[in-house]
């Protein structure tokens, strides 16, 4: 009998076990840090530099999931979500090792940002996903148009969206269409105008208010934390690569760099 291929999935149990195991390994590392060789305790050593580079690369791989989901290109979003979770967990451990326990320095703020980002993501997968499933499985009164004036406003807004959509993506249907990154690249001003109408529609029908503030705002907060982390990471990479003298603060520059500029 021929086996039937199953859709790849990352169960909540596996996610919980993986996160606990990696966190346990990280705790063991910090507890044993004083007994480790000097090259594992010295900030900027070649080994510690490689830990940071590998961890950052994995975290950037995790960020690719957002682009795949928004563009519809790059393969299965499910596979990329699994990669998103696995790379985030391993990348977090490597970046934490990269800090060598020096949590009183400025780059440690990136680690705090990452902790909040991952904690919110794990919480959303284990708990918020159930609430979202209930939302999509029920007809909520908050999504109804209400009185006649509200229905008229909604109708006029949908007509404006439809008119814009003919310019943005003529083959799409307004009821099921979402703006992707490809639309922003091809027609940025029309895409922004359409997204503004989407936000007006959500406010008009009370979409966020109907599901509670936690369910309504966890994802925007998650994306904000992710964007802040990526921006901070890029700044950190530029500093250690081009302003290594400033980062070393008068000490030797022991990591790979392009220039040792100082302020």
Foldseek 3Di string as FASTA:
>chain_A
DDDDDDDDAQDLVNLVVLLVVLVVVLVVCLVCLVVDDVLLQDAQAAVLVVLLVQLVVLQVLLVVLQQCVQVVDDDDSRVSPVSNSVSLSSSLSSNSSSCSPPCVDDVVVLNVLSVVLNVLVSCCVVPVVVLVVVVVVDDFQLQDQPDPVSVVVLVVLLVVLLVLCCVQPVVDDSVPDDHGVVSCVVPVVSNVVNVVSVVVSCVSSVVLVRSDVCSSCSVVVSVVSSVVSVVSVVVVVCCCAACVLQVCVNDDNNYHHDYNRHD
